[in-house]
Amino acid sequence: VQLVESGGGLVQPGGSLRLSCVTSGFTFSTYTMSWYRQAPGKERELVAVISRGGGTINYADSVKGRFTISRDNAANTVYLQMNSLKPEDTAVYYCNTRTWWGQGTQVTVSS
């Protein structure tokens, strides 16, 4: 099983980034997928969750209205579109399903 995140980087406050997580080694379309993040000195927190077919989505209150999770089951990929980014969004972002995690991608929001 592999989960490989990409798309992180340095962005100014108010900017946007789109994270991708390409997966392999399991039947992607049958698994709920999640994005988590971990800021320095803080615990890992759940950011967004999307059901197998994409019909059920939930977000952390801190990102509602700014982040959008989506998935492409044909491409075995889950996305996180992040708009109106704030300095407090700075963290390593991880893709997750069940007990499997990606290596993370760094997002830094700073002027």
Foldseek 3Di string as FASTA:
>chain_A
DAWAKDWADEAAQQAKIKMKIFDDDDQLLQFKKFKWWDDPPGDIGTAKIAHSVRPDIDGDPVQPPFWDWDDDSVRRMIMIIGGRDDQVVFTWMWMDTDPDIHPTDTHGYHD
